[in-house]
N, C-alpha and C. Protein backbone atom coordinates (compact mmCIF):
# COMPACT_ATOMS: atom_id res chain seq x y z
N UNK A 1 155.18 49.84 -2.93
CA UNK A 1 154.77 49.69 -1.54
C UNK A 1 155.76 48.82 -0.77
N UNK A 2 156.19 47.71 -1.36
CA UNK A 2 157.13 46.82 -0.67
C UNK A 2 158.45 47.53 -0.38
N UNK A 3 158.87 48.40 -1.28
CA UNK A 3 160.14 49.09 -1.04
C UNK A 3 160.02 50.07 0.11
N UNK A 4 158.82 50.61 0.35
CA UNK A 4 158.62 51.54 1.46
C UNK A 4 158.97 50.88 2.79
N UNK A 5 158.44 49.68 3.02
CA UNK A 5 158.70 48.99 4.28
C UNK A 5 160.18 48.66 4.41
N UNK A 6 160.81 48.33 3.31
CA UNK A 6 162.24 48.02 3.35
C UNK A 6 163.06 49.25 3.72
N UNK A 7 162.71 50.39 3.14
CA UNK A 7 163.41 51.64 3.47
C UNK A 7 163.17 52.04 4.93
N UNK A 8 161.94 51.88 5.37
CA UNK A 8 161.61 52.23 6.76
C UNK A 8 162.42 51.39 7.74
N UNK A 9 162.51 50.10 7.49
CA UNK A 9 163.26 49.21 8.39
C UNK A 9 164.74 49.54 8.41
N UNK A 10 165.34 49.70 7.24
CA UNK A 10 166.78 49.99 7.19
C UNK A 10 167.07 51.35 7.81
N UNK A 11 166.28 52.36 7.45
CA UNK A 11 166.51 53.69 8.01
C UNK A 11 166.29 53.71 9.52
N UNK A 12 165.28 52.99 9.99
CA UNK A 12 165.04 52.91 11.43
C UNK A 12 166.21 52.29 12.17
N UNK A 13 166.75 51.21 11.61
CA UNK A 13 167.91 50.55 12.23
C UNK A 13 169.13 51.46 12.22
N UNK A 14 169.32 52.20 11.12
CA UNK A 14 170.46 53.13 11.04
C UNK A 14 170.32 54.26 12.06
N UNK A 15 169.12 54.78 12.21
CA UNK A 15 168.88 55.85 13.20
C UNK A 15 169.13 55.33 14.61
N UNK A 16 168.64 54.14 14.91
CA UNK A 16 168.86 53.56 16.24
C UNK A 16 170.35 53.35 16.49
N UNK A 17 171.10 52.93 15.47
CA UNK A 17 172.54 52.74 15.63
C UNK A 17 173.24 54.07 15.88
N UNK A 18 172.82 55.11 15.19
CA UNK A 18 173.39 56.44 15.42
C UNK A 18 173.12 56.89 16.86
N UNK A 19 171.92 56.64 17.33
CA UNK A 19 171.58 57.01 18.72
C UNK A 19 172.37 56.17 19.71
N UNK A 20 172.56 54.90 19.38
CA UNK A 20 173.36 54.01 20.23
C UNK A 20 174.77 54.56 20.39
N UNK A 21 175.36 55.01 19.30
CA UNK A 21 176.73 55.52 19.35
C UNK A 21 176.84 56.82 20.15
N UNK A 22 175.74 57.58 20.24
CA UNK A 22 175.76 58.84 21.00
C UNK A 22 175.31 58.67 22.44
N UNK A 23 174.75 57.52 22.77
CA UNK A 23 174.19 57.31 24.11
C UNK A 23 175.27 57.44 25.18
N UNK A 24 174.89 58.03 26.29
CA UNK A 24 175.84 58.31 27.38
C UNK A 24 175.78 57.30 28.52
N UNK A 25 174.79 56.43 28.53
CA UNK A 25 174.67 55.48 29.64
C UNK A 25 174.46 54.06 29.10
N UNK A 26 174.73 53.10 29.96
CA UNK A 26 174.53 51.71 29.61
C UNK A 26 173.07 51.45 29.24
N UNK A 27 172.15 51.97 30.06
CA UNK A 27 170.73 51.74 29.81
C UNK A 27 170.28 52.31 28.47
N UNK A 28 170.77 53.47 28.12
CA UNK A 28 170.43 54.07 26.83
C UNK A 28 170.99 53.22 25.68
N UNK A 29 172.25 52.80 25.82
CA UNK A 29 172.84 51.94 24.79
C UNK A 29 172.06 50.64 24.65
N UNK A 30 171.67 50.06 25.76
CA UNK A 30 170.92 48.81 25.75
C UNK A 30 169.58 48.99 25.06
N UNK A 31 168.91 50.11 25.30
CA UNK A 31 167.63 50.40 24.68
C UNK A 31 167.76 50.43 23.15
N UNK A 32 168.73 51.18 22.65
CA UNK A 32 168.90 51.29 21.20
C UNK A 32 169.39 49.99 20.58
N UNK A 33 170.21 49.25 21.31
CA UNK A 33 170.65 47.94 20.84
C UNK A 33 169.46 47.00 20.69
N UNK A 34 168.57 47.02 21.68
CA UNK A 34 167.37 46.19 21.61
C UNK A 34 166.46 46.63 20.46
N UNK A 35 166.38 47.93 20.23
CA UNK A 35 165.58 48.44 19.13
C UNK A 35 166.09 47.90 17.79
N UNK A 36 167.39 47.88 17.62
CA UNK A 36 167.98 47.33 16.39
C UNK A 36 167.64 45.84 16.27
N UNK A 37 167.65 45.15 17.40
CA UNK A 37 167.28 43.73 17.42
C UNK A 37 165.85 43.52 16.95
N UNK A 38 164.96 44.44 17.30
CA UNK A 38 163.58 44.34 16.85
C UNK A 38 163.50 44.51 15.33
N UNK A 39 164.23 45.49 14.82
CA UNK A 39 164.26 45.67 13.36
C UNK A 39 164.78 44.40 12.68
N UNK A 40 165.78 43.76 13.27
CA UNK A 40 166.32 42.52 12.70
C UNK A 40 165.26 41.43 12.71
N UNK A 41 164.53 41.29 13.80
CA UNK A 41 163.47 40.28 13.89
C UNK A 41 162.39 40.53 12.84
N UNK A 42 161.97 41.78 12.70
CA UNK A 42 160.93 42.12 11.73
C UNK A 42 161.43 41.83 10.31
N UNK A 43 162.73 42.02 10.08
CA UNK A 43 163.27 41.81 8.73
C UNK A 43 163.23 40.34 8.32
N UNK A 44 162.96 39.45 9.25
CA UNK A 44 162.84 38.03 8.92
C UNK A 44 161.50 37.68 8.29
N UNK A 45 160.55 38.63 8.29
CA UNK A 45 159.21 38.41 7.75
C UNK A 45 159.21 38.59 6.24
N UNK A 46 159.73 37.62 5.53
CA UNK A 46 159.85 37.72 4.08
C UNK A 46 158.48 37.77 3.40
N UNK A 47 157.47 37.18 4.00
CA UNK A 47 156.14 37.19 3.42
C UNK A 47 155.50 38.57 3.43
N UNK A 48 156.05 39.50 4.18
CA UNK A 48 155.50 40.85 4.28
C UNK A 48 156.12 41.78 3.24
N UNK A 49 156.83 41.24 2.27
CA UNK A 49 157.46 42.07 1.25
C UNK A 49 158.83 42.56 1.63
N UNK A 50 159.38 42.02 2.70
CA UNK A 50 160.71 42.42 3.15
C UNK A 50 161.74 41.57 2.42
N UNK A 51 162.67 42.25 1.78
CA UNK A 51 163.63 41.55 0.91
C UNK A 51 164.81 40.99 1.70
N UNK A 52 165.49 40.07 1.07
CA UNK A 52 166.71 39.51 1.65
C UNK A 52 167.77 40.59 1.80
N UNK A 53 167.83 41.50 0.84
CA UNK A 53 168.80 42.60 0.90
C UNK A 53 168.56 43.46 2.15
N UNK A 54 167.29 43.73 2.44
CA UNK A 54 166.95 44.50 3.64
C UNK A 54 167.43 43.76 4.89
N UNK A 55 167.14 42.48 4.95
CA UNK A 55 167.57 41.68 6.10
C UNK A 55 169.09 41.71 6.24
N UNK A 56 169.78 41.56 5.14
CA UNK A 56 171.25 41.57 5.17
C UNK A 56 171.79 42.91 5.66
N UNK A 57 171.19 44.00 5.21
CA UNK A 57 171.63 45.33 5.65
C UNK A 57 171.40 45.52 7.15
N UNK A 58 170.25 45.10 7.61
CA UNK A 58 169.95 45.25 9.04
C UNK A 58 170.82 44.32 9.86
N UNK A 59 171.09 43.13 9.36
CA UNK A 59 171.98 42.21 10.06
C UNK A 59 173.38 42.81 10.21
N UNK A 60 173.85 43.49 9.17
CA UNK A 60 175.15 44.16 9.24
C UNK A 60 175.13 45.29 10.29
N UNK A 61 174.06 46.06 10.31
CA UNK A 61 173.92 47.12 11.32
C UNK A 61 173.90 46.50 12.71
N UNK A 62 173.16 45.41 12.87
CA UNK A 62 173.09 44.73 14.16
C UNK A 62 174.45 44.22 14.60
N UNK A 63 175.20 43.63 13.68
CA UNK A 63 176.55 43.13 14.01
C UNK A 63 177.47 44.28 14.42
N UNK A 64 177.39 45.39 13.71
CA UNK A 64 178.19 46.57 14.08
C UNK A 64 177.77 47.10 15.45
N UNK A 65 176.47 47.11 15.70
CA UNK A 65 175.96 47.58 16.99
C UNK A 65 176.42 46.66 18.12
N UNK A 66 176.45 45.37 17.85
CA UNK A 66 176.92 44.41 18.86
C UNK A 66 178.37 44.69 19.23
N UNK A 67 179.21 44.85 18.22
CA UNK A 67 180.62 45.14 18.49
C UNK A 67 180.78 46.45 19.25
N UNK A 68 180.06 47.47 18.83
CA UNK A 68 180.16 48.77 19.48
C UNK A 68 179.69 48.69 20.93
N UNK A 69 178.54 48.07 21.14
CA UNK A 69 177.97 47.97 22.50
C UNK A 69 178.90 47.19 23.42
N UNK A 70 179.44 46.09 22.94
CA UNK A 70 180.36 45.28 23.76
C UNK A 70 181.64 46.05 24.07
N UNK A 71 182.16 46.77 23.09
CA UNK A 71 183.37 47.56 23.29
C UNK A 71 183.13 48.64 24.35
N UNK A 72 181.99 49.30 24.29
CA UNK A 72 181.67 50.33 25.27
C UNK A 72 181.51 49.73 26.67
N UNK A 73 180.90 48.56 26.76
CA UNK A 73 180.77 47.89 28.05
C UNK A 73 182.13 47.51 28.62
N UNK A 74 182.99 47.02 27.76
CA UNK A 74 184.34 46.64 28.20
C UNK A 74 185.10 47.88 28.67
N UNK A 75 185.00 48.96 27.91
CA UNK A 75 185.67 50.20 28.26
C UNK A 75 185.16 50.71 29.61
N UNK A 76 183.86 50.65 29.82
CA UNK A 76 183.28 51.13 31.09
C UNK A 76 183.74 50.26 32.26
N UNK A 77 183.89 48.96 32.05
CA UNK A 77 184.32 48.10 33.14
C UNK A 77 185.79 48.31 33.48
N UNK A 78 186.58 48.73 32.50
CA UNK A 78 187.99 49.00 32.75
C UNK A 78 188.17 50.29 33.52
N UNK A 79 187.28 51.24 33.33
CA UNK A 79 187.35 52.53 34.00
C UNK A 79 186.92 52.39 35.46
N UNK A 80 185.96 51.48 35.71
CA UNK A 80 185.41 51.33 37.08
C UNK A 80 186.41 50.75 38.04
């Protein structure tokens, strides 16, 4: 049972990151970025059976999403 929640969290964060990379607007990117942030916050609930490994994986996804989101924002500001 505990592994189910861990898989759900990691897979959810990965799906949100995939959607973030395909998003065509700032608002869409921001939405998926925030969604990944929620998964990261939930992964801090160690008492709920969420493992440190799950948190680490989601933190890595979040860090990658941060870099991607910032790069896209910078690129958009250079084009404007």
